[in-house]
Every structure is written in structure tokens, then in C-alpha cells.
């Protein structure tokens, strides 16, 4: 099921965005002061509108097919500090002040639980 198309998002912002076939784009969530990457979520136009106008991050849940505002049930709130769009218009960087865990597993970052993959470390010439 595709995300709802109705939105109050500013038309000037709408035209900057590239969406997938379900009307979604990725949002990378980063702690504003430490620069730690906390999580990745999905938004549609209305989720972005709510994020830009309320000071709290709202996502579109692909599994539940509904909007969810981070922290409403867990208490682990995300307060918006800055929202940037990438050069292609297909991803957002949302800088937040995270209260508590960002990951649904209870860890600060979703990138803690998965572990580090083996990779050759590159060096500058």
C-alpha cells in the first residue's frame, strides 16, 4: 500500500523531492551536537510537513502504514534542530536533539546492534 498523497507540505519544498514508487524518501537522523548517526527512517510529504512544523520528527511507518511521531509511545523523543535536503532531492538529513534511545532495540543508535562489517580500510595517498 502506498503512503497517502494528501499533504500540507509547501509546494516549493515538494518540487525539490524525489520519491520512490510509494511516495517515500529516506531521512537520516543525526544527533545535532555530536554528529552521531542515530537511525534511518522513511517520510512522505506529510511526514516532512509535520516534522518541519512541529519541532518533532514524524515518519511514515511502512510496516504499519501510518504516521508515527518518534517518542510518543517510548518517551525517546527527537527534537528537530535542522533539516537539510541532499543534492539529488532523494534524502534528508534531520539533525535532532535525541532524548533516550533512538533505536527500537533500546540502544542509542540503530548502528550499534548490527555490528561492524569487515572492510578493508582505505588510506589517502
PDB file of N, CA and C in Angstrom:
ATOM      1  N   UNK A   1       0.843  -1.185   0.000  1.00  0.00           N
ATOM      2  CA  UNK A   1       0.000   0.000   0.000  1.00  0.00           C
ATOM      3  C   UNK A   1       0.881   1.239   0.000  1.00  0.00           C
ATOM      4  N   UNK A   2       0.572   2.191  -0.818  1.00  0.00           N
ATOM      5  CA  UNK A   2       1.343   3.426  -0.901  1.00  0.00           C
ATOM      6  C   UNK A   2       0.930   4.381   0.214  1.00  0.00           C
ATOM      7  N   UNK A   3       1.853   5.257   0.571  1.00  0.00           N
ATOM      8  CA  UNK A   3       1.574   6.267   1.574  1.00  0.00           C
ATOM      9  C   UNK A   3       0.539   7.259   1.036  1.00  0.00           C
ATOM     10  N   UNK A   4      -0.277   7.847   1.903  1.00  0.00           N
ATOM     11  CA  UNK A   4      -1.277   8.817   1.460  1.00  0.00           C
ATOM     12  C   UNK A   4      -0.638   9.977   0.697  1.00  0.00           C
ATOM     13  N   UNK A   5      -1.349  10.476  -0.302  1.00  0.00           N
ATOM     14  CA  UNK A   5      -0.822  11.555  -1.138  1.00  0.00           C
ATOM     15  C   UNK A   5      -1.171  12.947  -0.622  1.00  0.00           C
ATOM     16  N   UNK A   6      -2.215  13.057   0.181  1.00  0.00           N
ATOM     17  CA  UNK A   6      -2.619  14.358   0.710  1.00  0.00           C
ATOM     18  C   UNK A   6      -1.544  14.923   1.622  1.00  0.00           C
ATOM     19  N   UNK A   7      -1.231  16.202   1.443  1.00  0.00           N
ATOM     20  CA  UNK A   7      -0.217  16.813   2.287  1.00  0.00           C
ATOM     21  C   UNK A   7      -0.362  18.322   2.301  1.00  0.00           C
ATOM     22  N   UNK A   8       0.055  18.904   3.398  1.00  0.00           N
ATOM     23  CA  UNK A   8       0.093  20.350   3.533  1.00  0.00           C
ATOM     24  C   UNK A   8       1.500  20.903   3.314  1.00  0.00           C
ATOM     25  N   UNK A   9       2.410  20.071   2.790  1.00  0.00           N
ATOM     26  CA  UNK A   9       3.784  20.494   2.566  1.00  0.00           C
ATOM     27  C   UNK A   9       3.839  21.630   1.555  1.00  0.00           C
ATOM     28  N   UNK A  10       4.671  22.605   1.833  1.00  0.00           N
ATOM     29  CA  UNK A  10       4.879  23.753   0.954  1.00  0.00           C
ATOM     30  C   UNK A  10       5.202  23.263  -0.466  1.00  0.00           C
ATOM     31  N   UNK A  11       4.497  23.750  -1.479  1.00  0.00           N
ATOM     32  CA  UNK A  11       4.746  23.315  -2.861  1.00  0.00           C
ATOM     33  C   UNK A  11       6.186  23.567  -3.324  1.00  0.00           C
ATOM     34  N   UNK A  12       6.832  24.592  -2.801  1.00  0.00           N
ATOM     35  CA  UNK A  12       8.224  24.866  -3.172  1.00  0.00           C
ATOM     36  C   UNK A  12       9.169  23.785  -2.641  1.00  0.00           C
ATOM     37  N   UNK A  13       8.827  23.194  -1.502  1.00  0.00           N
ATOM     38  CA  UNK A  13       9.614  22.085  -0.962  1.00  0.00           C
ATOM     39  C   UNK A  13       9.256  20.806  -1.711  1.00  0.00           C
ATOM     40  N   UNK A  14       7.968  20.615  -1.980  1.00  0.00           N
ATOM     41  CA  UNK A  14       7.509  19.416  -2.699  1.00  0.00           C
ATOM     42  C   UNK A  14       8.273  19.209  -3.994  1.00  0.00           C
ATOM     43  N   UNK A  15       8.480  20.279  -4.732  1.00  0.00           N
ATOM     44  CA  UNK A  15       9.105  20.140  -6.052  1.00  0.00           C
ATOM     45  C   UNK A  15      10.592  19.796  -5.968  1.00  0.00           C
ATOM     46  N   UNK A  16      11.201  19.919  -4.802  1.00  0.00           N
ATOM     47  CA  UNK A  16      12.610  19.568  -4.622  1.00  0.00           C
ATOM     48  C   UNK A  16      12.819  18.082  -4.381  1.00  0.00           C
ATOM     49  N   UNK A  17      11.753  17.384  -3.997  1.00  0.00           N
ATOM     50  CA  UNK A  17      11.865  15.993  -3.540  1.00  0.00           C
ATOM     51  C   UNK A  17      11.679  14.974  -4.659  1.00  0.00           C
ATOM     52  N   UNK A  18      12.493  13.930  -4.611  1.00  0.00           N
ATOM     53  CA  UNK A  18      12.311  12.761  -5.468  1.00  0.00           C
ATOM     54  C   UNK A  18      11.856  11.633  -4.569  1.00  0.00           C
ATOM     55  N   UNK A  19      10.779  10.979  -4.961  1.00  0.00           N
ATOM     56  CA  UNK A  19      10.174   9.939  -4.137  1.00  0.00           C
ATOM     57  C   UNK A  19      10.286   8.582  -4.819  1.00  0.00           C
ATOM     58  N   UNK A  20      10.227   7.510  -4.022  1.00  0.00           N
ATOM     59  CA  UNK A  20      10.201   6.172  -4.609  1.00  0.00           C
ATOM     60  C   UNK A  20       8.781   5.890  -5.113  1.00  0.00           C
ATOM     61  N   UNK A  21       8.540   4.685  -5.584  1.00  0.00           N
ATOM     62  CA  UNK A  21       7.242   4.330  -6.164  1.00  0.00           C
ATOM     63  C   UNK A  21       6.098   4.396  -5.161  1.00  0.00           C
ATOM     64  N   UNK A  22       6.428   4.417  -3.864  1.00  0.00           N
ATOM     65  CA  UNK A  22       5.398   4.522  -2.828  1.00  0.00           C
ATOM     66  C   UNK A  22       5.281   5.943  -2.276  1.00  0.00           C
ATOM     67  N   UNK A  23       5.982   6.896  -2.892  1.00  0.00           N
ATOM     68  CA  UNK A  23       5.903   8.287  -2.461  1.00  0.00           C
ATOM     69  C   UNK A  23       6.785   8.604  -1.273  1.00  0.00           C
ATOM     70  N   UNK A  24       7.794   7.763  -1.020  1.00  0.00           N
ATOM     71  CA  UNK A  24       8.634   7.909   0.165  1.00  0.00           C
ATOM     72  C   UNK A  24      10.057   8.334  -0.193  1.00  0.00           C
ATOM     73  N   UNK A  25      10.716   8.917   0.784  1.00  0.00           N
ATOM     74  CA  UNK A  25      12.135   9.250   0.698  1.00  0.00           C
ATOM     75  C   UNK A  25      12.757   8.979   2.053  1.00  0.00           C
ATOM     76  N   UNK A  26      14.068   8.756   2.064  1.00  0.00           N
ATOM     77  CA  UNK A  26      14.767   8.376   3.287  1.00  0.00           C
ATOM     78  C   UNK A  26      15.139   9.617   4.101  1.00  0.00           C
ATOM     79  N   UNK A  27      15.115   9.452   5.410  1.00  0.00           N
ATOM     80  CA  UNK A  27      15.540  10.512   6.329  1.00  0.00           C
ATOM     81  C   UNK A  27      16.601   9.930   7.262  1.00  0.00           C
ATOM     82  N   UNK A  28      17.802  10.462   7.177  1.00  0.00           N
ATOM     83  CA  UNK A  28      18.895  10.064   8.061  1.00  0.00           C
ATOM     84  C   UNK A  28      18.811  10.967   9.291  1.00  0.00           C
ATOM     85  N   UNK A  29      18.779  10.345  10.466  1.00  0.00           N
ATOM     86  CA  UNK A  29      18.631  11.097  11.710  1.00  0.00           C
ATOM     87  C   UNK A  29      19.979  11.133  12.412  1.00  0.00           C
ATOM     88  N   UNK A  30      20.427  12.356  12.745  1.00  0.00           N
ATOM     89  CA  UNK A  30      21.750  12.568  13.324  1.00  0.00           C
ATOM     90  C   UNK A  30      21.650  13.461  14.562  1.00  0.00           C
ATOM     91  N   UNK A  31      22.382  13.101  15.615  1.00  0.00           N
ATOM     92  CA  UNK A  31      22.456  13.946  16.813  1.00  0.00           C
ATOM     93  C   UNK A  31      23.143  15.254  16.425  1.00  0.00           C
ATOM     94  N   UNK A  32      22.519  16.384  16.727  1.00  0.00           N
ATOM     95  CA  UNK A  32      22.993  17.671  16.222  1.00  0.00           C
ATOM     96  C   UNK A  32      24.359  18.088  16.735  1.00  0.00           C
ATOM     97  N   UNK A  33      24.705  17.753  17.965  1.00  0.00           N
ATOM     98  CA  UNK A  33      25.969  18.258  18.521  1.00  0.00           C
ATOM     99  C   UNK A  33      27.130  17.275  18.377  1.00  0.00           C
ATOM    100  N   UNK A  34      26.888  15.994  18.549  1.00  0.00           N
ATOM    101  CA  UNK A  34      27.972  15.003  18.452  1.00  0.00           C
ATOM    102  C   UNK A  34      28.162  14.498  17.022  1.00  0.00           C
ATOM    103  N   UNK A  35      27.176  14.736  16.144  1.00  0.00           N
ATOM    104  CA  UNK A  35      27.180  14.289  14.743  1.00  0.00           C
ATOM    105  C   UNK A  35      26.976  12.766  14.614  1.00  0.00           C
ATOM    106  N   UNK A  36      26.639  12.098  15.707  1.00  0.00           N
ATOM    107  CA  UNK A  36      26.400  10.653  15.690  1.00  0.00           C
ATOM    108  C   UNK A  36      25.167  10.335  14.838  1.00  0.00           C
ATOM    109  N   UNK A  37      25.292   9.386  13.910  1.00  0.00           N
ATOM    110  CA  UNK A  37      24.144   8.936  13.128  1.00  0.00           C
ATOM    111  C   UNK A  37      23.340   7.981  14.003  1.00  0.00           C
ATOM    112  N   UNK A  38      22.073   8.314  14.197  1.00  0.00           N
ATOM    113  CA  UNK A  38      21.234   7.569  15.130  1.00  0.00           C
ATOM    114  C   UNK A  38      20.370   6.514  14.458  1.00  0.00           C
ATOM    115  N   UNK A  39      19.768   6.859  13.343  1.00  0.00           N
ATOM    116  CA  UNK A  39      18.831   5.948  12.694  1.00  0.00           C
ATOM    117  C   UNK A  39      18.501   6.438  11.301  1.00  0.00           C
ATOM    118  N   UNK A  40      17.771   5.617  10.582  1.00  0.00           N
ATOM    119  CA  UNK A  40      17.237   5.960   9.270  1.00  0.00           C
ATOM    120  C   UNK A  40      15.752   5.645   9.299  1.00  0.00           C
ATOM    121  N   UNK A  41      14.958   6.527   8.742  1.00  0.00           N
ATOM    122  CA  UNK A  41      13.521   6.303   8.671  1.00  0.00           C
ATOM    123  C   UNK A  41      12.997   6.765   7.330  1.00  0.00           C
ATOM    124  N   UNK A  42      11.724   6.545   7.104  1.00  0.00           N
ATOM    125  CA  UNK A  42      11.081   6.921   5.847  1.00  0.00           C
ATOM    126  C   UNK A  42      10.052   8.006   6.096  1.00  0.00           C
ATOM    127  N   UNK A  43       9.975   8.933   5.172  1.00  0.00           N
ATOM    128  CA  UNK A  43       8.986  10.004   5.227  1.00  0.00           C
ATOM    129  C   UNK A  43       8.291  10.114   3.884  1.00  0.00           C
ATOM    130  N   UNK A  44       7.102  10.680   3.925  1.00  0.00           N
ATOM    131  CA  UNK A  44       6.427  11.149   2.724  1.00  0.00           C
ATOM    132  C   UNK A  44       6.222  12.650   2.912  1.00  0.00           C
ATOM    133  N   UNK A  45       5.538  13.281   1.989  1.00  0.00           N
ATOM    134  CA  UNK A  45       5.385  14.733   2.059  1.00  0.00           C
ATOM    135  C   UNK A  45       4.748  15.193   3.371  1.00  0.00           C
ATOM    136  N   UNK A  46       3.694  14.504   3.808  1.00  0.00           N
ATOM    137  CA  UNK A  46       3.004  14.919   5.032  1.00  0.00           C
ATOM    138  C   UNK A  46       3.861  14.699   6.274  1.00  0.00           C
ATOM    139  N   UNK A  47       4.608  13.600   6.316  1.00  0.00           N
ATOM    140  CA  UNK A  47       5.509  13.377   7.459  1.00  0.00           C
ATOM    141  C   UNK A  47       6.553  14.490   7.530  1.00  0.00           C
ATOM    142  N   UNK A  48       7.068  14.902   6.378  1.00  0.00           N
ATOM    143  CA  UNK A  48       8.024  16.010   6.365  1.00  0.00           C
ATOM    144  C   UNK A  48       7.349  17.298   6.800  1.00  0.00           C
ATOM    145  N   UNK A  49       6.150  17.549   6.327  1.00  0.00           N
ATOM    146  CA  UNK A  49       5.408  18.750   6.752  1.00  0.00           C
ATOM    147  C   UNK A  49       5.259  18.779   8.276  1.00  0.00           C
ATOM    148  N   UNK A  50       4.857  17.662   8.850  1.00  0.00           N
ATOM    149  CA  UNK A  50       4.682  17.590  10.306  1.00  0.00           C
ATOM    150  C   UNK A  50       6.012  17.802  11.025  1.00  0.00           C
ATOM    151  N   UNK A  51       7.085  17.247  10.472  1.00  0.00           N
ATOM    152  CA  UNK A  51       8.414  17.414  11.069  1.00  0.00           C
ATOM    153  C   UNK A  51       8.840  18.874  11.034  1.00  0.00           C
ATOM    154  N   UNK A  52       8.616  19.531   9.897  1.00  0.00           N
ATOM    155  CA  UNK A  52       9.037  20.924   9.738  1.00  0.00           C
ATOM    156  C   UNK A  52       8.202  21.904  10.558  1.00  0.00           C
ATOM    157  N   UNK A  53       6.968  21.541  10.878  1.00  0.00           N
ATOM    158  CA  UNK A  53       6.066  22.497  11.529  1.00  0.00           C
ATOM    159  C   UNK A  53       5.793  22.232  13.002  1.00  0.00           C
ATOM    160  N   UNK A  54       6.290  21.101  13.538  1.00  0.00           N
ATOM    161  CA  UNK A  54       6.002  20.793  14.943  1.00  0.00           C
ATOM    162  C   UNK A  54       7.232  20.769  15.833  1.00  0.00           C
ATOM    163  N   UNK A  55       8.428  20.683  15.248  1.00  0.00           N
ATOM    164  CA  UNK A  55       9.638  20.585  16.052  1.00  0.00           C
ATOM    165  C   UNK A  55       9.939  19.181  16.545  1.00  0.00           C
ATOM    166  N   UNK A  56       9.147  18.203  16.123  1.00  0.00           N
ATOM    167  CA  UNK A  56       9.343  16.784  16.455  1.00  0.00           C
ATOM    168  C   UNK A  56       9.370  15.989  15.165  1.00  0.00           C
ATOM    169  N   UNK A  57      10.136  14.895  15.125  1.00  0.00           N
ATOM    170  CA  UNK A  57      10.272  14.101  13.906  1.00  0.00           C
ATOM    171  C   UNK A  57       9.099  13.135  13.753  1.00  0.00           C
ATOM    172  N   UNK A  58       8.496  13.170  12.570  1.00  0.00           N
ATOM    173  CA  UNK A  58       7.412  12.256  12.216  1.00  0.00           C
ATOM    174  C   UNK A  58       7.854  11.429  11.024  1.00  0.00           C
ATOM    175  N   UNK A  59       7.577  10.128  11.057  1.00  0.00           N
ATOM    176  CA  UNK A  59       7.912   9.212   9.979  1.00  0.00           C
ATOM    177  C   UNK A  59       6.643   8.593   9.413  1.00  0.00           C
ATOM    178  N   UNK A  60       6.789   7.944   8.250  1.00  0.00           N
ATOM    179  CA  UNK A  60       5.751   7.078   7.719  1.00  0.00           C
ATOM    180  C   UNK A  60       6.203   5.657   7.982  1.00  0.00           C
ATOM    181  N   UNK A  61       5.416   4.892   8.711  1.00  0.00           N
ATOM    182  CA  UNK A  61       5.743   3.505   9.004  1.00  0.00           C
ATOM    183  C   UNK A  61       5.297   2.630   7.836  1.00  0.00           C
ATOM    184  N   UNK A  62       6.263   2.035   7.167  1.00  0.00           N
ATOM    185  CA  UNK A  62       5.945   1.151   6.043  1.00  0.00           C
ATOM    186  C   UNK A  62       5.266  -0.120   6.520  1.00  0.00           C
ATOM    187  N   UNK A  63       5.622  -0.609   7.696  1.00  0.00           N
ATOM    188  CA  UNK A  63       5.023  -1.848   8.198  1.00  0.00           C
ATOM    189  C   UNK A  63       3.609  -1.629   8.728  1.00  0.00           C
ATOM    190  N   UNK A  64       3.384  -0.519   9.420  1.00  0.00           N
ATOM    191  CA  UNK A  64       2.059  -0.256   9.995  1.00  0.00           C
ATOM    192  C   UNK A  64       1.169   0.585   9.080  1.00  0.00           C
ATOM    193  N   UNK A  65       1.774   1.162   8.029  1.00  0.00           N
ATOM    194  CA  UNK A  65       1.026   2.012   7.101  1.00  0.00           C
ATOM    195  C   UNK A  65       0.331   3.169   7.816  1.00  0.00           C
ATOM    196  N   UNK A  66       1.120   3.854   8.678  1.00  0.00           N
ATOM    197  CA  UNK A  66       0.585   5.010   9.402  1.00  0.00           C
ATOM    198  C   UNK A  66       1.725   5.921   9.811  1.00  0.00           C
ATOM    199  N   UNK A  67       1.364   7.145  10.163  1.00  0.00           N
ATOM    200  CA  UNK A  67       2.357   8.090  10.665  1.00  0.00           C
ATOM    201  C   UNK A  67       2.718   7.727  12.092  1.00  0.00           C
ATOM    202  N   UNK A  68       3.971   7.959  12.452  1.00  0.00           N
ATOM    203  CA  UNK A  68       4.367   7.816  13.852  1.00  0.00           C
ATOM    204  C   UNK A  68       5.380   8.891  14.182  1.00  0.00           C
ATOM    205  N   UNK A  69       5.107   9.535  15.298  1.00  0.00           N
ATOM    206  CA  UNK A  69       5.999  10.580  15.788  1.00  0.00           C
ATOM    207  C   UNK A  69       6.926   9.940  16.805  1.00  0.00           C
ATOM    208  N   UNK A  70       8.209  10.023  16.527  1.00  0.00           N
ATOM    209  CA  UNK A  70       9.210   9.363  17.361  1.00  0.00           C
ATOM    210  C   UNK A  70       9.062   9.802  18.817  1.00  0.00           C
ATOM    211  N   UNK A  71       8.917   8.816  19.691  1.00  0.00           N
ATOM    212  CA  UNK A  71       8.871   9.073  21.120  1.00  0.00           C
ATOM    213  C   UNK A  71       7.497   9.119  21.744  1.00  0.00           C
ATOM    214  N   UNK A  72       6.441   9.147  20.935  1.00  0.00           N
ATOM    215  CA  UNK A  72       5.095   9.237  21.518  1.00  0.00           C
ATOM    216  C   UNK A  72       4.760   8.047  22.415  1.00  0.00           C
ATOM    217  N   UNK A  73       5.231   6.857  22.068  1.00  0.00           N
ATOM    218  CA  UNK A  73       4.958   5.694  22.914  1.00  0.00           C
ATOM    219  C   UNK A  73       6.155   5.312  23.774  1.00  0.00           C
ATOM    220  N   UNK A  74       7.369   5.566  23.294  1.00  0.00           N
ATOM    221  CA  UNK A  74       8.572   5.151  24.028  1.00  0.00           C
ATOM    222  C   UNK A  74       9.094   6.210  24.995  1.00  0.00           C
ATOM    223  N   UNK A  75       8.760   7.476  24.723  1.00  0.00           N
ATOM    224  CA  UNK A  75       9.336   8.570  25.506  1.00  0.00           C
ATOM    225  C   UNK A  75      10.708   8.992  25.014  1.00  0.00           C
ATOM    226  N   UNK A  76      11.211   8.322  23.969  1.00  0.00           N
ATOM    227  CA  UNK A  76      12.518   8.638  23.398  1.00  0.00           C
ATOM    228  C   UNK A  76      12.331   9.655  22.271  1.00  0.00           C
ATOM    229  N   UNK A  77      12.278  10.904  22.662  1.00  0.00           N
ATOM    230  CA  UNK A  77      11.878  11.989  21.770  1.00  0.00           C
ATOM    231  C   UNK A  77      13.011  12.467  20.870  1.00  0.00           C
ATOM    232  N   UNK A  78      12.628  12.995  19.717  1.00  0.00           N
ATOM    233  CA  UNK A  78      13.576  13.639  18.803  1.00  0.00           C
ATOM    234  C   UNK A  78      13.091  15.057  18.551  1.00  0.00           C
ATOM    235  N   UNK A  79      13.884  16.033  19.001  1.00  0.00           N
ATOM    236  CA  UNK A  79      13.561  17.432  18.794  1.00  0.00           C
ATOM    237  C   UNK A  79      14.374  17.960  17.614  1.00  0.00           C
ATOM    238  N   UNK A  80      13.687  18.475  16.611  1.00  0.00           N
ATOM    239  CA  UNK A  80      14.313  18.933  15.374  1.00  0.00           C
ATOM    240  C   UNK A  80      15.186  20.156  15.627  1.00  0.00           C
ATOM    241  N   UNK A  81      16.408  20.107  15.095  1.00  0.00           N
ATOM    242  CA  UNK A  81      17.320  21.244  15.139  1.00  0.00           C
ATOM    243  C   UNK A  81      17.559  21.819  13.747  1.00  0.00           C
ATOM    244  N   UNK A  82      17.599  20.925  12.728  1.00  0.00           N
ATOM    245  CA  UNK A  82      17.866  21.377  11.355  1.00  0.00           C
ATOM    246  C   UNK A  82      17.466  20.259  10.397  1.00  0.00           C
ATOM    247  N   UNK A  83      16.917  20.629   9.245  1.00  0.00           N
ATOM    248  CA  UNK A  83      16.573  19.656   8.209  1.00  0.00           C
ATOM    249  C   UNK A  83      17.195  20.119   6.900  1.00  0.00           C
ATOM    250  N   UNK A  84      17.982  19.229   6.278  1.00  0.00           N
ATOM    251  CA  UNK A  84      18.642  19.535   5.010  1.00  0.00           C
ATOM    252  C   UNK A  84      18.244  18.496   3.980  1.00  0.00           C
ATOM    253  N   UNK A  85      18.200  18.919   2.723  1.00  0.00           N
ATOM    254  CA  UNK A  85      17.900  18.010   1.625  1.00  0.00           C
ATOM    255  C   UNK A  85      19.177  17.796   0.824  1.00  0.00           C
ATOM    256  N   UNK A  86      19.396  16.577   0.346  1.00  0.00           N
ATOM    257  CA  UNK A  86      20.622  16.315  -0.418  1.00  0.00           C
ATOM    258  C   UNK A  86      20.503  16.871  -1.839  1.00  0.00           C
ATOM    259  N   UNK A  87      21.607  16.837  -2.554  1.00  0.00           N
ATOM    260  CA  UNK A  87      21.690  17.470  -3.875  1.00  0.00           C
ATOM    261  C   UNK A  87      20.758  16.827  -4.898  1.00  0.00           C
ATOM    262  N   UNK A  88      20.408  15.557  -4.721  1.00  0.00           N
ATOM    263  CA  UNK A  88      19.512  14.869  -5.647  1.00  0.00           C
ATOM    264  C   UNK A  88      18.049  14.976  -5.254  1.00  0.00           C
ATOM    265  N   UNK A  89      17.779  15.406  -4.034  1.00  0.00           N
ATOM    266  CA  UNK A  89      16.407  15.526  -3.565  1.00  0.00           C
ATOM    267  C   UNK A  89      15.770  14.220  -3.127  1.00  0.00           C
ATOM    268  N   UNK A  90      16.599  13.170  -2.965  1.00  0.00           N
ATOM    269  CA  UNK A  90      16.015  11.883  -2.591  1.00  0.00           C
ATOM    270  C   UNK A  90      16.334  11.449  -1.166  1.00  0.00           C
ATOM    271  N   UNK A  91      16.974  12.330  -0.395  1.00  0.00           N
ATOM    272  CA  UNK A  91      17.278  12.002   1.002  1.00  0.00           C
ATOM    273  C   UNK A  91      17.324  13.280   1.827  1.00  0.00           C
ATOM    274  N   UNK A  92      16.963  13.132   3.095  1.00  0.00           N
ATOM    275  CA  UNK A  92      17.025  14.242   4.041  1.00  0.00           C
ATOM    276  C   UNK A  92      18.021  13.911   5.141  1.00  0.00           C
ATOM    277  N   UNK A  93      18.648  14.935   5.677  1.00  0.00           N
ATOM    278  CA  UNK A  93      19.428  14.824   6.899  1.00  0.00           C
ATOM    279  C   UNK A  93      18.674  15.630   7.949  1.00  0.00           C
ATOM    280  N   UNK A  94      18.212  14.940   8.982  1.00  0.00           N
ATOM    281  CA  UNK A  94      17.458  15.594  10.049  1.00  0.00           C
ATOM    282  C   UNK A  94      18.335  15.582  11.291  1.00  0.00           C
ATOM    283  N   UNK A  95      18.781  16.761  11.694  1.00  0.00           N
ATOM    284  CA  UNK A  95      19.598  16.890  12.892  1.00  0.00           C
ATOM    285  C   UNK A  95      18.660  17.115  14.065  1.00  0.00           C
ATOM    286  N   UNK A  96      18.853  16.316  15.115  1.00  0.00           N
ATOM    287  CA  UNK A  96      17.930  16.313  16.253  1.00  0.00           C
ATOM    288  C   UNK A  96      18.683  16.390  17.572  1.00  0.00           C
ATOM    289  N   UNK A  97      17.939  16.718  18.613  1.00  0.00           N
ATOM    290  CA  UNK A  97      18.386  16.506  19.974  1.00  0.00           C
ATOM    291  C   UNK A  97      17.617  15.287  20.458  1.00  0.00           C
ATOM    292  N   UNK A  98      18.314  14.163  20.539  1.00  0.00           N
ATOM    293  CA  UNK A  98      17.693  12.875  20.893  1.00  0.00           C
ATOM    294  C   UNK A  98      17.609  12.735  22.406  1.00  0.00           C
ATOM    295  N   UNK A  99      16.434  12.373  22.896  1.00  0.00           N
ATOM    296  CA  UNK A  99      16.231  12.067  24.304  1.00  0.00           C
ATOM    297  C   UNK A  99      16.065  10.557  24.409  1.00  0.00           C
ATOM    298  N   UNK A 100      17.004   9.883  25.077  1.00  0.00           N
ATOM    299  CA  UNK A 100      16.923   8.435  25.215  1.00  0.00           C
ATOM    300  C   UNK A 100      17.400   7.709  23.974  1.00  0.00           C
ATOM    301  N   UNK A 101      16.951   6.473  23.830  1.00  0.00           N
ATOM    302  CA  UNK A 101      17.378   5.614  22.722  1.00  0.00           C
ATOM    303  C   UNK A 101      16.695   6.029  21.428  1.00  0.00           C
ATOM    304  N   UNK A 102      17.440   5.966  20.326  1.00  0.00           N
ATOM    305  CA  UNK A 102      16.846   6.220  19.011  1.00  0.00           C
ATOM    306  C   UNK A 102      16.348   4.928  18.383  1.00  0.00           C
ATOM    307  N   UNK A 103      16.965   3.807  18.739  1.00  0.00           N
ATOM    308  CA  UNK A 103      16.645   2.524  18.119  1.00  0.00           C
ATOM    309  C   UNK A 103      15.531   1.807  18.881  1.00  0.00           C
ATOM    310  N   UNK A 104      14.690   1.092  18.145  1.00  0.00           N
ATOM    311  CA  UNK A 104      13.603   0.337  18.774  1.00  0.00           C
ATOM    312  C   UNK A 104      14.133  -0.806  19.640  1.00  0.00           C
ATOM    313  N   UNK A 105      15.429  -1.150  19.493  1.00  0.00           N
ATOM    314  CA  UNK A 105      16.023  -2.198  20.334  1.00  0.00           C
ATOM    315  C   UNK A 105      16.429  -1.673  21.702  1.00  0.00           C
ATOM    316  N   UNK A 106      16.361  -0.351  21.870  1.00  0.00           N
ATOM    317  CA  UNK A 106      16.734   0.257  23.141  1.00  0.00           C
ATOM    318  C   UNK A 106      18.136   0.822  23.172  1.00  0.00           C
ATOM    319  N   UNK A 107      18.863   0.717  22.067  1.00  0.00           N
ATOM    320  CA  UNK A 107      20.210   1.288  22.007  1.00  0.00           C
ATOM    321  C   UNK A 107      20.146   2.738  21.536  1.00  0.00           C
ATOM    322  N   UNK A 108      21.169   3.463  21.847  1.00  0.00           N
ATOM    323  CA  UNK A 108      21.228   4.881  21.459  1.00  0.00           C
ATOM    324  C   UNK A 108      21.112   5.039  19.945  1.00  0.00           C
ATOM    325  N   UNK A 109      21.854   4.218  19.196  1.00  0.00           N
ATOM    326  CA  UNK A 109      21.876   4.294  17.743  1.00  0.00           C
ATOM    327  C   UNK A 109      21.485   2.945  17.153  1.00  0.00           C
ATOM    328  N   UNK A 110      20.790   2.964  16.041  1.00  0.00           N
ATOM    329  CA  UNK A 110      20.443   1.722  15.340  1.00  0.00           C
ATOM    330  C   UNK A 110      21.672   1.045  14.753  1.00  0.00           C
ATOM    331  N   UNK A 111      22.787   1.754  14.705  1.00  0.00           N
ATOM    332  CA  UNK A 111      24.004   1.199  14.129  1.00  0.00           C
ATOM    333  C   UNK A 111      24.894   0.533  15.175  1.00  0.00           C
ATOM    334  N   UNK A 112      24.442   0.447  16.406  1.00  0.00           N
ATOM    335  CA  UNK A 112      25.167  -0.266  17.451  1.00  0.00           C
ATOM    336  C   UNK A 112      24.857  -1.760  17.414  1.00  0.00           C
ATOM    337  N   UNK A 113      23.595  -2.110  17.255  1.00  0.00           N
ATOM    338  CA  UNK A 113      23.156  -3.501  17.363  1.00  0.00           C
ATOM    339  C   UNK A 113      23.593  -4.365  16.187  1.00  0.00           C
ATOM    340  N   UNK A 114      23.700  -3.787  15.012  1.00  0.00           N
ATOM    341  CA  UNK A 114      24.021  -4.560  13.823  1.00  0.00           C
ATOM    342  C   UNK A 114      25.463  -4.996  13.730  1.00  0.00           C
ATOM    343  N   UNK A 115      26.365  -4.274  14.348  1.00  0.00           N
ATOM    344  CA  UNK A 115      27.774  -4.611  14.296  1.00  0.00           C
ATOM    345  C   UNK A 115      28.486  -3.979  13.124  1.00  0.00           C
ATOM    346  N   UNK A 116      29.784  -4.160  13.111  1.00  0.00           N
ATOM    347  CA  UNK A 116      30.632  -3.577  12.075  1.00  0.00           C
ATOM    348  C   UNK A 116      30.986  -4.670  11.080  1.00  0.00           C
ATOM    349  N   UNK A 117      30.855  -4.370   9.805  1.00  0.00           N
ATOM    350  CA  UNK A 117      31.183  -5.333   8.754  1.00  0.00           C
ATOM    351  C   UNK A 117      32.683  -5.301   8.467  1.00  0.00           C
ATOM    352  N   UNK A 118      33.246  -6.450   8.073  1.00  0.00           N
ATOM    353  CA  UNK A 118      34.665  -6.459   7.740  1.00  0.00           C
ATOM    354  C   UNK A 118      34.894  -5.685   6.435  1.00  0.00           C
ATOM    355  N   UNK A 119      35.768  -4.741   6.492  1.00  0.00           N
ATOM    356  CA  UNK A 119      36.061  -3.919   5.313  1.00  0.00           C
ATOM    357  C   UNK A 119      37.535  -3.543   5.321  1.00  0.00           C
ATOM    358  N   UNK A 120      38.111  -3.489   4.132  1.00  0.00           N
ATOM    359  CA  UNK A 120      39.471  -3.002   4.003  1.00  0.00           C
ATOM    360  C   UNK A 120      39.434  -1.506   4.283  1.00  0.00           C
ATOM    361  N   UNK A 121      40.321  -1.041   5.153  1.00  0.00           N
ATOM    362  CA  UNK A 121      40.377   0.368   5.486  1.00  0.00           C
ATOM    363  C   UNK A 121      41.236   1.085   4.460  1.00  0.00           C
ATOM    364  N   UNK A 122      40.675   2.064   3.818  1.00  0.00           N
ATOM    365  CA  UNK A 122      41.404   2.828   2.808  1.00  0.00           C
ATOM    366  C   UNK A 122      42.236   3.927   3.439  1.00  0.00           C
ATOM    367  N   UNK A 123      43.285   4.280   2.766  1.00  0.00           N
ATOM    368  CA  UNK A 123      44.170   5.364   3.215  1.00  0.00           C
ATOM    369  C   UNK A 123      44.375   6.344   2.078  1.00  0.00           C
ATOM    370  N   UNK A 124      44.482   7.593   2.411  1.00  0.00           N
ATOM    371  CA  UNK A 124      44.796   8.610   1.410  1.00  0.00           C
ATOM    372  C   UNK A 124      46.205   8.408   0.878  1.00  0.00           C
ATOM    373  N   UNK A 125      46.405   8.665  -0.388  1.00  0.00           N
ATOM    374  CA  UNK A 125      47.779   8.549  -0.909  1.00  0.00           C
ATOM    375  C   UNK A 125      48.684   9.637  -0.373  1.00  0.00           C
TER     376      UNK A 125
END
